[in-house]
PDB file of N, CA and C in Angstrom:
ATOM      1  N   MET A   1     100.108 106.301  81.511  1.00  0.00           N
ATOM      2  CA  MET A   1      98.957 106.201  80.895  1.00  0.00           C
ATOM      3  C   MET A   1      98.544 107.352  80.555  1.00  0.00           C
ATOM      4  N   ALA A   2      98.926 108.619  81.245  1.00  0.00           N
ATOM      5  CA  ALA A   2      98.350 109.945  81.241  1.00  0.00           C
ATOM      6  C   ALA A   2      99.355 110.613  79.664  1.00  0.00           C
ATOM      7  N   LEU A   3     100.486 110.005  79.316  1.00  0.00           N
ATOM      8  CA  LEU A   3     101.069 110.440  78.344  1.00  0.00           C
ATOM      9  C   LEU A   3     100.501 109.598  77.148  1.00  0.00           C
ATOM     10  N   MET A   4      99.683 108.606  77.085  1.00  0.00           N
ATOM     11  CA  MET A   4      99.070 107.788  75.972  1.00  0.00           C
ATOM     12  C   MET A   4      97.766 108.248  75.481  1.00  0.00           C
ATOM     13  N   SER A   5      97.283 109.127  76.400  1.00  0.00           N
ATOM     14  CA  SER A   5      96.042 109.884  75.918  1.00  0.00           C
ATOM     15  C   SER A   5      96.068 110.559  74.546  1.00  0.00           C
ATOM     16  N   ASP A   6      94.760 111.114  74.323  1.00  0.00           N
ATOM     17  CA  ASP A   6      94.953 112.067  73.224  1.00  0.00           C
ATOM     18  C   ASP A   6      95.148 113.572  73.446  1.00  0.00           C
ATOM     19  N   VAL A   7      95.114 113.743  74.940  1.00  0.00           N
ATOM     20  CA  VAL A   7      95.508 114.988  75.550  1.00  0.00           C
ATOM     21  C   VAL A   7      97.116 115.092  75.574  1.00  0.00           C
ATOM     22  N   VAL A   8      97.603 116.069  75.002  1.00  0.00           N
ATOM     23  CA  VAL A   8      99.092 116.424  75.073  1.00  0.00           C
ATOM     24  C   VAL A   8      99.608 117.045  76.255  1.00  0.00           C
ATOM     25  N   LEU A   9      99.974 116.375  77.078  1.00  0.00           N
ATOM     26  CA  LEU A   9     100.587 116.943  78.431  1.00  0.00           C
ATOM     27  C   LEU A   9     102.145 116.817  78.144  1.00  0.00           C
ATOM     28  N   PRO A  10     102.664 117.842  78.963  1.00  0.00           N
ATOM     29  CA  PRO A  10     104.275 117.927  78.842  1.00  0.00           C
ATOM     30  C   PRO A  10     104.529 116.936  79.787  1.00  0.00           C
ATOM     31  N   VAL A  11     105.661 116.220  79.810  1.00  0.00           N
ATOM     32  CA  VAL A  11     106.380 114.951  80.464  1.00  0.00           C
ATOM     33  C   VAL A  11     106.578 115.786  81.762  1.00  0.00           C
ATOM     34  N   ASP A  12     107.171 116.811  81.828  1.00  0.00           N
ATOM     35  CA  ASP A  12     107.405 117.584  83.465  1.00  0.00           C
ATOM     36  C   ASP A  12     106.287 117.667  83.897  1.00  0.00           C
ATOM     37  N   HIS A  13     105.181 117.904  83.431  1.00  0.00           N
ATOM     38  CA  HIS A  13     103.838 118.230  84.237  1.00  0.00           C
ATOM     39  C   HIS A  13     103.291 116.910  84.911  1.00  0.00           C
ATOM     40  N   VAL A  14     103.244 116.044  84.161  1.00  0.00           N
ATOM     41  CA  VAL A  14     102.716 114.664  84.552  1.00  0.00           C
ATOM     42  C   VAL A  14     103.707 113.991  85.588  1.00  0.00           C
ATOM     43  N   ARG A  15     104.891 114.423  85.475  1.00  0.00           N
ATOM     44  CA  ARG A  15     106.048 113.723  86.626  1.00  0.00           C
ATOM     45  C   ARG A  15     105.662 114.602  87.776  1.00  0.00           C
ATOM     46  N   GLN A  16     105.522 115.817  87.726  1.00  0.00           N
ATOM     47  CA  GLN A  16     105.132 116.669  89.063  1.00  0.00           C
ATOM     48  C   GLN A  16     103.763 116.299  89.536  1.00  0.00           C
ATOM     49  N   GLN A  17     102.926 115.915  88.729  1.00  0.00           N
ATOM     50  CA  GLN A  17     101.585 115.400  89.310  1.00  0.00           C
ATOM     51  C   GLN A  17     101.817 114.135  89.929  1.00  0.00           C
ATOM     52  N   LEU A  18     102.313 113.105  89.429  1.00  0.00           N
ATOM     53  CA  LEU A  18     102.700 111.815  90.108  1.00  0.00           C
ATOM     54  C   LEU A  18     103.389 112.052  91.512  1.00  0.00           C
ATOM     55  N   ALA A  19     104.579 112.999  91.429  1.00  0.00           N
ATOM     56  CA  ALA A  19     105.361 112.940  92.549  1.00  0.00           C
ATOM     57  C   ALA A  19     104.450 113.719  93.420  1.00  0.00           C
ATOM     58  N   ALA A  20     103.565 114.561  93.266  1.00  0.00           N
ATOM     59  CA  ALA A  20     102.631 115.281  94.305  1.00  0.00           C
ATOM     60  C   ALA A  20     101.536 114.144  95.042  1.00  0.00           C
ATOM     61  N   ALA A  21     101.147 113.281  94.205  1.00  0.00           N
ATOM     62  CA  ALA A  21     100.176 112.413  94.357  1.00  0.00           C
ATOM     63  C   ALA A  21     100.765 110.985  95.161  1.00  0.00           C
ATOM     64  N   ILE A  22     102.006 110.616  95.150  1.00  0.00           N
ATOM     65  CA  ILE A  22     102.778 109.470  95.866  1.00  0.00           C
ATOM     66  C   ILE A  22     103.422 109.967  96.882  1.00  0.00           C
ATOM     67  N   ASP A  23     103.328 109.475  98.118  1.00  0.00           N
ATOM     68  CA  ASP A  23     103.933 109.719  99.239  1.00  0.00           C
ATOM     69  C   ASP A  23     104.872 108.713  99.412  1.00  0.00           C
ATOM     70  N   VAL A  24     104.464 107.490  99.485  1.00  0.00           N
ATOM     71  CA  VAL A  24     105.557 106.285  99.841  1.00  0.00           C
ATOM     72  C   VAL A  24     105.489 105.116  98.681  1.00  0.00           C
ATOM     73  N   VAL A  25     106.367 104.677  98.388  1.00  0.00           N
ATOM     74  CA  VAL A  25     106.879 103.675  97.517  1.00  0.00           C
ATOM     75  C   VAL A  25     107.222 102.400  98.275  1.00  0.00           C
ATOM     76  N   ILE A  26     106.460 100.922  98.232  1.00  0.00           N
ATOM     77  CA  ILE A  26     106.856  99.795  98.896  1.00  0.00           C
ATOM     78  C   ILE A  26     107.069  98.874  97.843  1.00  0.00           C
ATOM     79  N   HIS A  27     108.493  98.719  97.743  1.00  0.00           N
ATOM     80  CA  HIS A  27     108.805  97.772  96.348  1.00  0.00           C
ATOM     81  C   HIS A  27     109.056  96.123  96.848  1.00  0.00           C
ATOM     82  N   MET A  28     108.218  95.493  96.404  1.00  0.00           N
ATOM     83  CA  MET A  28     108.549  94.082  96.662  1.00  0.00           C
ATOM     84  C   MET A  28     109.060  93.102  95.661  1.00  0.00           C
ATOM     85  N   VAL A  29     109.589  92.084  96.224  1.00  0.00           N
ATOM     86  CA  VAL A  29     110.499  91.117  95.097  1.00  0.00           C
ATOM     87  C   VAL A  29     110.111  89.678  95.691  1.00  0.00           C
ATOM     88  N   ARG A  30     110.342  89.008  94.651  1.00  0.00           N
ATOM     89  CA  ARG A  30     110.311  87.458  94.745  1.00  0.00           C
ATOM     90  C   ARG A  30     111.758  86.900  94.644  1.00  0.00           C
ATOM     91  N   LEU A  31     112.242  86.421  95.541  1.00  0.00           N
ATOM     92  CA  LEU A  31     113.440  85.650  95.630  1.00  0.00           C
ATOM     93  C   LEU A  31     113.611  84.356  94.980  1.00  0.00           C
ATOM     94  N   ARG A  32     114.673  83.995  94.499  1.00  0.00           N
ATOM     95  CA  ARG A  32     114.949  82.798  93.773  1.00  0.00           C
ATOM     96  C   ARG A  32     114.244  81.546  94.643  1.00  0.00           C
ATOM     97  N   ASP A  33     114.410  81.365  95.778  1.00  0.00           N
ATOM     98  CA  ASP A  33     113.685  80.391  96.763  1.00  0.00           C
ATOM     99  C   ASP A  33     112.002  80.457  96.699  1.00  0.00           C
ATOM    100  N   GLY A  34     111.513  81.666  95.829  1.00  0.00           N
ATOM    101  CA  GLY A  34     110.122  81.658  96.216  1.00  0.00           C
ATOM    102  C   GLY A  34     109.426  82.456  97.283  1.00  0.00           C
ATOM    103  N   ARG A  35     110.672  82.835  98.039  1.00  0.00           N
ATOM    104  CA  ARG A  35     109.900  83.838  99.102  1.00  0.00           C
ATOM    105  C   ARG A  35     109.639  85.380  98.592  1.00  0.00           C
ATOM    106  N   ARG A  36     108.566  85.977  99.127  1.00  0.00           N
ATOM    107  CA  ARG A  36     108.535  87.408  98.780  1.00  0.00           C
ATOM    108  C   ARG A  36     108.798  88.180  99.866  1.00  0.00           C
ATOM    109  N   LEU A  37     109.457  89.465  99.728  1.00  0.00           N
ATOM    110  CA  LEU A  37     109.836  90.079 100.723  1.00  0.00           C
ATOM    111  C   LEU A  37     109.774  91.798 100.316  1.00  0.00           C
ATOM    112  N   VAL A  38     109.565  92.477 101.074  1.00  0.00           N
ATOM    113  CA  VAL A  38     109.767  93.998 101.070  1.00  0.00           C
ATOM    114  C   VAL A  38     111.116  94.152 100.635  1.00  0.00           C
ATOM    115  N   HIS A  39     111.567  94.903  99.472  1.00  0.00           N
ATOM    116  CA  HIS A  39     112.917  94.999  99.049  1.00  0.00           C
ATOM    117  C   HIS A  39     113.219  96.549  99.284  1.00  0.00           C
ATOM    118  N   GLN A  40     112.357  97.615  99.442  1.00  0.00           N
ATOM    119  CA  GLN A  40     112.731  98.804  99.650  1.00  0.00           C
ATOM    120  C   GLN A  40     111.670  99.674 100.023  1.00  0.00           C
ATOM    121  N   ILE A  41     111.340 100.418 100.878  1.00  0.00           N
ATOM    122  CA  ILE A  41     110.787 101.499 101.537  1.00  0.00           C
ATOM    123  C   ILE A  41     111.221 102.794 100.948  1.00  0.00           C
ATOM    124  N   ALA A  42     110.493 103.811 100.302  1.00  0.00           N
ATOM    125  CA  ALA A  42     111.064 104.904  99.749  1.00  0.00           C
ATOM    126  C   ALA A  42     110.020 105.905  99.827  1.00  0.00           C
ATOM    127  N   THR A  43     110.131 107.337 100.296  1.00  0.00           N
ATOM    128  CA  THR A  43     109.313 108.304  99.672  1.00  0.00           C
ATOM    129  C   THR A  43     109.435 109.293  98.740  1.00  0.00           C
ATOM    130  N   VAL A  44     108.472 109.948  97.931  1.00  0.00           N
ATOM    131  CA  VAL A  44     108.694 110.590  97.016  1.00  0.00           C
ATOM    132  C   VAL A  44     108.539 112.324  97.424  1.00  0.00           C
ATOM    133  N   ASP A  45     109.501 112.960  97.489  1.00  0.00           N
ATOM    134  CA  ASP A  45     109.493 114.158  97.978  1.00  0.00           C
ATOM    135  C   ASP A  45     109.577 115.342  97.044  1.00  0.00           C
ATOM    136  N   GLY A  46     108.626 115.286  96.093  1.00  0.00           N
ATOM    137  CA  GLY A  46     108.543 116.300  95.176  1.00  0.00           C
ATOM    138  C   GLY A  46     109.489 116.157  93.884  1.00  0.00           C
ATOM    139  N   THR A  47     109.875 116.968  93.225  1.00  0.00           N
ATOM    140  CA  THR A  47     110.702 116.868  91.889  1.00  0.00           C
ATOM    141  C   THR A  47     111.787 118.023  92.053  1.00  0.00           C
ATOM    142  N   ARG A  48     112.785 117.503  91.160  1.00  0.00           N
ATOM    143  CA  ARG A  48     114.079 118.658  91.078  1.00  0.00           C
ATOM    144  C   ARG A  48     114.477 118.425  89.613  1.00  0.00           C
ATOM    145  N   ASP A  49     114.591 119.418  88.882  1.00  0.00           N
ATOM    146  CA  ASP A  49     114.970 119.614  87.519  1.00  0.00           C
ATOM    147  C   ASP A  49     114.090 118.382  86.555  1.00  0.00           C
ATOM    148  N   GLY A  50     112.874 118.492  86.925  1.00  0.00           N
ATOM    149  CA  GLY A  50     111.860 117.582  86.280  1.00  0.00           C
ATOM    150  C   GLY A  50     111.659 116.143  86.762  1.00  0.00           C
ATOM    151  N   GLU A  51     112.650 115.708  87.732  1.00  0.00           N
ATOM    152  CA  GLU A  51     113.080 114.343  87.991  1.00  0.00           C
ATOM    153  C   GLU A  51     112.337 114.058  89.390  1.00  0.00           C
ATOM    154  N   PRO A  52     111.491 113.072  89.810  1.00  0.00           N
ATOM    155  CA  PRO A  52     111.091 112.868  91.187  1.00  0.00           C
ATOM    156  C   PRO A  52     112.306 112.544  91.991  1.00  0.00           C
ATOM    157  N   LEU A  53     112.200 113.357  93.386  1.00  0.00           N
ATOM    158  CA  LEU A  53     113.119 113.049  94.435  1.00  0.00           C
ATOM    159  C   LEU A  53     112.552 111.691  95.096  1.00  0.00           C
ATOM    160  N   VAL A  54     113.303 110.755  94.958  1.00  0.00           N
ATOM    161  CA  VAL A  54     113.157 109.220  95.737  1.00  0.00           C
ATOM    162  C   VAL A  54     113.985 109.160  96.876  1.00  0.00           C
ATOM    163  N   THR A  55     113.720 109.156  98.164  1.00  0.00           N
ATOM    164  CA  THR A  55     114.527 108.859  99.129  1.00  0.00           C
ATOM    165  C   THR A  55     114.288 107.423  99.809  1.00  0.00           C
ATOM    166  N   GLU A  56     115.167 106.838  99.681  1.00  0.00           N
ATOM    167  CA  GLU A  56     115.244 105.454 100.359  1.00  0.00           C
ATOM    168  C   GLU A  56     115.151 105.729 101.731  1.00  0.00           C
ATOM    169  N   LEU A  57     114.417 104.940 102.518  1.00  0.00           N
ATOM    170  CA  LEU A  57     114.233 104.652 103.861  1.00  0.00           C
ATOM    171  C   LEU A  57     114.809 103.603 104.472  1.00  0.00           C
ATOM    172  N   PHE A  58     114.172 102.381 103.882  1.00  0.00           N
ATOM    173  CA  PHE A  58     114.540 101.147 104.615  1.00  0.00           C
ATOM    174  C   PHE A  58     115.067 100.390 103.079  1.00  0.00           C
ATOM    175  N   GLY A  59     115.843  99.308 103.009  1.00  0.00           N
ATOM    176  CA  GLY A  59     116.391  98.783 102.118  1.00  0.00           C
ATOM    177  C   GLY A  59     116.385  97.227 102.692  1.00  0.00           C
ATOM    178  N   PHE A  60     116.516  96.123 101.880  1.00  0.00           N
ATOM    179  CA  PHE A  60     116.771  94.788 102.184  1.00  0.00           C
ATOM    180  C   PHE A  60     117.930  94.640 101.744  1.00  0.00           C
ATOM    181  N   ARG A  61     118.971  93.955 102.633  1.00  0.00           N
ATOM    182  CA  ARG A  61     120.284  93.708 102.020  1.00  0.00           C
ATOM    183  C   ARG A  61     120.649  92.257 102.279  1.00  0.00           C
ATOM    184  N   MET A  62     120.737  91.550 101.227  1.00  0.00           N
ATOM    185  CA  MET A  62     120.877  90.069 101.127  1.00  0.00           C
ATOM    186  C   MET A  62     122.109  89.638 101.888  1.00  0.00           C
ATOM    187  N   ARG A  63     122.846  90.327 101.632  1.00  0.00           N
ATOM    188  CA  ARG A  63     124.319  89.659 102.294  1.00  0.00           C
ATOM    189  C   ARG A  63     124.458  90.418 103.653  1.00  0.00           C
ATOM    190  N   SER A  64     123.598  90.588 104.335  1.00  0.00           N
ATOM    191  CA  SER A  64     123.592  91.045 105.543  1.00  0.00           C
ATOM    192  C   SER A  64     123.071  90.189 106.572  1.00  0.00           C
ATOM    193  N   GLY A  65     123.757  89.292 107.303  1.00  0.00           N
ATOM    194  CA  GLY A  65     123.275  88.394 108.148  1.00  0.00           C
ATOM    195  C   GLY A  65     123.005  87.164 107.240  1.00  0.00           C
ATOM    196  N   PRO A  66     122.567  86.044 107.914  1.00  0.00           N
ATOM    197  CA  PRO A  66     122.651  84.879 107.425  1.00  0.00           C
ATOM    198  C   PRO A  66     121.149  84.730 106.315  1.00  0.00           C
ATOM    199  N   ALA A  67     120.264  85.465 106.797  1.00  0.00           N
ATOM    200  CA  ALA A  67     118.873  85.498 106.004  1.00  0.00           C
ATOM    201  C   ALA A  67     118.813  86.992 105.399  1.00  0.00           C
ATOM    202  N   GLY A  68     119.859  87.720 105.451  1.00  0.00           N
ATOM    203  CA  GLY A  68     119.675  89.033 104.814  1.00  0.00           C
ATOM    204  C   GLY A  68     119.105  89.957 106.152  1.00  0.00           C
ATOM    205  N   SER A  69     118.914  91.315 105.966  1.00  0.00           N
ATOM    206  CA  SER A  69     118.350  91.951 106.951  1.00  0.00           C
ATOM    207  C   SER A  69     117.688  93.106 106.122  1.00  0.00           C
ATOM    208  N   PHE A  70     116.912  93.966 106.873  1.00  0.00           N
ATOM    209  CA  PHE A  70     116.362  95.109 106.641  1.00  0.00           C
ATOM    210  C   PHE A  70     117.192  96.422 107.316  1.00  0.00           C
ATOM    211  N   VAL A  71     117.634  97.474 106.344  1.00  0.00           N
ATOM    212  CA  VAL A  71     118.561  98.391 107.140  1.00  0.00           C
ATOM    213  C   VAL A  71     118.060  99.724 106.603  1.00  0.00           C
ATOM    214  N   CYS A  72     117.948 100.635 107.687  1.00  0.00           N
ATOM    215  CA  CYS A  72     117.507 101.838 107.516  1.00  0.00           C
ATOM    216  C   CYS A  72     118.481 102.741 107.062  1.00  0.00           C
ATOM    217  N   SER A  73     118.263 103.639 106.153  1.00  0.00           N
ATOM    218  CA  SER A  73     119.325 104.400 105.345  1.00  0.00           C
ATOM    219  C   SER A  73     119.571 105.804 106.503  1.00  0.00           C
ATOM    220  N   GLY A  74     118.737 106.341 107.616  1.00  0.00           N
ATOM    221  CA  GLY A  74     118.671 107.341 108.262  1.00  0.00           C
ATOM    222  C   GLY A  74     118.398 108.464 107.857  1.00  0.00           C
ATOM    223  N   ALA A  75     117.869 108.387 106.687  1.00  0.00           N
ATOM    224  CA  ALA A  75     117.339 109.710 106.013  1.00  0.00           C
ATOM    225  C   ALA A  75     115.874 109.989 106.876  1.00  0.00           C
ATOM    226  N   VAL A  76     115.572 111.243 106.840  1.00  0.00           N
ATOM    227  CA  VAL A  76     114.379 111.576 107.790  1.00  0.00           C
ATOM    228  C   VAL A  76     113.708 112.408 106.448  1.00  0.00           C
ATOM    229  N   PRO A  77     112.332 111.828 105.764  1.00  0.00           N
ATOM    230  CA  PRO A  77     111.752 112.490 104.731  1.00  0.00           C
ATOM    231  C   PRO A  77     110.947 113.617 105.160  1.00  0.00           C
ATOM    232  N   ASP A  78     110.480 114.528 104.327  1.00  0.00           N
ATOM    233  CA  ASP A  78     109.472 115.522 104.501  1.00  0.00           C
ATOM    234  C   ASP A  78     108.299 114.615 105.048  1.00  0.00           C
ATOM    235  N   LEU A  79     107.852 113.568 104.755  1.00  0.00           N
ATOM    236  CA  LEU A  79     106.584 112.911 105.156  1.00  0.00           C
ATOM    237  C   LEU A  79     106.569 112.953 106.796  1.00  0.00           C
ATOM    238  N   VAL A  80     107.782 112.942 107.482  1.00  0.00           N
ATOM    239  CA  VAL A  80     107.503 112.882 108.982  1.00  0.00           C
ATOM    240  C   VAL A  80     107.249 114.397 109.755  1.00  0.00           C
ATOM    241  N   GLN A  81     107.480 115.372 108.941  1.00  0.00           N
ATOM    242  CA  GLN A  81     106.745 116.725 109.499  1.00  0.00           C
ATOM    243  C   GLN A  81     105.376 116.770 109.436  1.00  0.00           C
ATOM    244  N   VAL A  82     104.970 116.160 107.969  1.00  0.00           N
ATOM    245  CA  VAL A  82     103.362 116.140 107.626  1.00  0.00           C
ATOM    246  C   VAL A  82     102.857 115.183 108.634  1.00  0.00           C
ATOM    247  N   LEU A  83     103.125 114.125 108.844  1.00  0.00           N
ATOM    248  CA  LEU A  83     102.505 113.047 109.871  1.00  0.00           C
ATOM    249  C   LEU A  83     102.447 113.858 111.157  1.00  0.00           C
ATOM    250  N   ARG A  84     103.720 114.541 111.849  1.00  0.00           N
ATOM    251  CA  ARG A  84     103.557 115.037 112.974  1.00  0.00           C
ATOM    252  C   ARG A  84     102.714 116.220 113.139  1.00  0.00           C
ATOM    253  N   SER A  85     102.573 117.041 112.148  1.00  0.00           N
ATOM    254  CA  SER A  85     101.701 117.889 112.029  1.00  0.00           C
ATOM    255  C   SER A  85      99.999 117.651 111.863  1.00  0.00           C
ATOM    256  N   ARG A  86      99.867 116.280 111.923  1.00  0.00           N
ATOM    257  CA  ARG A  86      98.648 115.833 111.613  1.00  0.00           C
ATOM    258  C   ARG A  86      98.385 115.156 112.969  1.00  0.00           C
ATOM    259  N   GLY A  87      99.507 114.972 113.957  1.00  0.00           N
ATOM    260  CA  GLY A  87      99.197 114.517 115.183  1.00  0.00           C
ATOM    261  C   GLY A  87      99.750 113.026 115.434  1.00  0.00           C
ATOM    262  N   GLN A  88     100.279 112.353 114.345  1.00  0.00           N
ATOM    263  CA  GLN A  88     101.266 111.183 114.442  1.00  0.00           C
ATOM    264  C   GLN A  88     102.287 110.932 115.145  1.00  0.00           C
ATOM    265  N   ARG A  89     102.672 110.175 116.132  1.00  0.00           N
ATOM    266  CA  ARG A  89     103.654 110.009 116.916  1.00  0.00           C
ATOM    267  C   ARG A  89     104.721 108.905 116.033  1.00  0.00           C
ATOM    268  N   LEU A  90     105.693 109.183 115.950  1.00  0.00           N
ATOM    269  CA  LEU A  90     106.650 108.049 115.423  1.00  0.00           C
ATOM    270  C   LEU A  90     107.897 108.145 116.493  1.00  0.00           C
ATOM    271  N   PRO A  91     108.091 106.726 116.566  1.00  0.00           N
ATOM    272  CA  PRO A  91     109.195 106.589 117.385  1.00  0.00           C
ATOM    273  C   PRO A  91     110.544 107.138 117.181  1.00  0.00           C
ATOM    274  N   GLU A  92     111.328 107.572 118.156  1.00  0.00           N
ATOM    275  CA  GLU A  92     112.742 108.536 117.677  1.00  0.00           C
ATOM    276  C   GLU A  92     113.633 107.461 116.833  1.00  0.00           C
ATOM    277  N   ARG A  93     113.600 106.379 117.306  1.00  0.00           N
ATOM    278  CA  ARG A  93     114.477 105.539 116.724  1.00  0.00           C
ATOM    279  C   ARG A  93     114.158 104.946 115.804  1.00  0.00           C
ATOM    280  N   LEU A  94     112.842 104.962 115.053  1.00  0.00           N
ATOM    281  CA  LEU A  94     112.117 104.370 113.924  1.00  0.00           C
ATOM    282  C   LEU A  94     113.137 104.696 112.490  1.00  0.00           C
ATOM    283  N   LEU A  95     113.834 105.805 112.574  1.00  0.00           N
ATOM    284  CA  LEU A  95     114.540 106.280 111.395  1.00  0.00           C
ATOM    285  C   LEU A  95     116.001 106.247 111.654  1.00  0.00           C
ATOM    286  N   GLU A  96     116.523 105.741 112.729  1.00  0.00           N
ATOM    287  CA  GLU A  96     118.011 105.712 113.098  1.00  0.00           C
ATOM    288  C   GLU A  96     118.771 104.779 111.884  1.00  0.00           C
ATOM    289  N   ALA A  97     119.908 105.122 111.245  1.00  0.00           N
ATOM    290  CA  ALA A  97     120.555 104.289 110.391  1.00  0.00           C
ATOM    291  C   ALA A  97     121.331 102.901 111.010  1.00  0.00           C
ATOM    292  N   GLY A  98     120.973 102.041 110.231  1.00  0.00           N
ATOM    293  CA  GLY A  98     121.699 100.758 110.860  1.00  0.00           C
ATOM    294  C   GLY A  98     120.546  99.568 110.485  1.00  0.00           C
ATOM    295  N   ILE A  99     121.062  98.675 110.912  1.00  0.00           N
ATOM    296  CA  ILE A  99     120.056  97.474 110.817  1.00  0.00           C
ATOM    297  C   ILE A  99     118.648  97.803 111.724  1.00  0.00           C
ATOM    298  N   ASP A 100     118.037  97.324 111.129  1.00  0.00           N
ATOM    299  CA  ASP A 100     116.290  97.754 111.644  1.00  0.00           C
ATOM    300  C   ASP A 100     116.022  96.596 112.825  1.00  0.00           C
ATOM    301  N   VAL A 101     115.315  97.280 113.844  1.00  0.00           N
ATOM    302  CA  VAL A 101     115.200  96.538 115.096  1.00  0.00           C
ATOM    303  C   VAL A 101     113.630  96.582 114.929  1.00  0.00           C
ATOM    304  N   PRO A 102     112.588  95.470 115.351  1.00  0.00           N
ATOM    305  CA  PRO A 102     111.441  95.821 115.190  1.00  0.00           C
ATOM    306  C   PRO A 102     110.894  96.790 116.074  1.00  0.00           C
ATOM    307  N   VAL A 103     110.077  97.359 115.847  1.00  0.00           N
ATOM    308  CA  VAL A 103     109.158  98.653 116.811  1.00  0.00           C
ATOM    309  C   VAL A 103     108.120  97.989 117.398  1.00  0.00           C
ATOM    310  N   ARG A 104     107.870  97.944 118.861  1.00  0.00           N
ATOM    311  CA  ARG A 104     106.804  97.477 119.440  1.00  0.00           C
ATOM    312  C   ARG A 104     105.658  98.258 119.025  1.00  0.00           C
ATOM    313  N   THR A 105     104.377  97.809 118.799  1.00  0.00           N
ATOM    314  CA  THR A 105     103.266  98.365 118.421  1.00  0.00           C
ATOM    315  C   THR A 105     102.985  99.323 119.868  1.00  0.00           C
ATOM    316  N   ALA A 106     103.310  99.085 120.973  1.00  0.00           N
ATOM    317  CA  ALA A 106     103.010 100.246 121.783  1.00  0.00           C
ATOM    318  C   ALA A 106     103.844 101.498 121.959  1.00  0.00           C
ATOM    319  N   ASP A 107     104.838 101.368 120.968  1.00  0.00           N
ATOM    320  CA  ASP A 107     105.755 102.570 120.776  1.00  0.00           C
ATOM    321  C   ASP A 107     105.212 103.432 119.905  1.00  0.00           C
ATOM    322  N   VAL A 108     104.354 102.971 119.008  1.00  0.00           N
ATOM    323  CA  VAL A 108     103.674 103.557 117.769  1.00  0.00           C
ATOM    324  C   VAL A 108     102.315 104.429 118.436  1.00  0.00           C
ATOM    325  N   GLY A 109     101.804 105.652 118.194  1.00  0.00           N
ATOM    326  CA  GLY A 109     100.638 106.027 118.813  1.00  0.00           C
ATOM    327  C   GLY A 109     100.146 107.084 118.297  1.00  0.00           C
TER     328      GLY A 109
END
């Protein structure tokens, strides 16, 4: 929308502003059977060469298990350090690579 306005802005500048404003992207999909689910959770960690750096944290894999499963990539985004600096505790195993195991709410604080 910013590029459609009467104000002429460089594309790289708009991309940098968007990357600075967005921390987490949650991508939802609707499956053929009508179910809706989270397909991917990713973070935006700035830009490189004018392109946003998007790091996948979790993704849904249809062919993993009978009903599919949520898989963690094992990537630790810059956002984790920001949260820790603000006093938020994250369970150590939250970002371990592999099939996701639900984290009890007592583990998050």
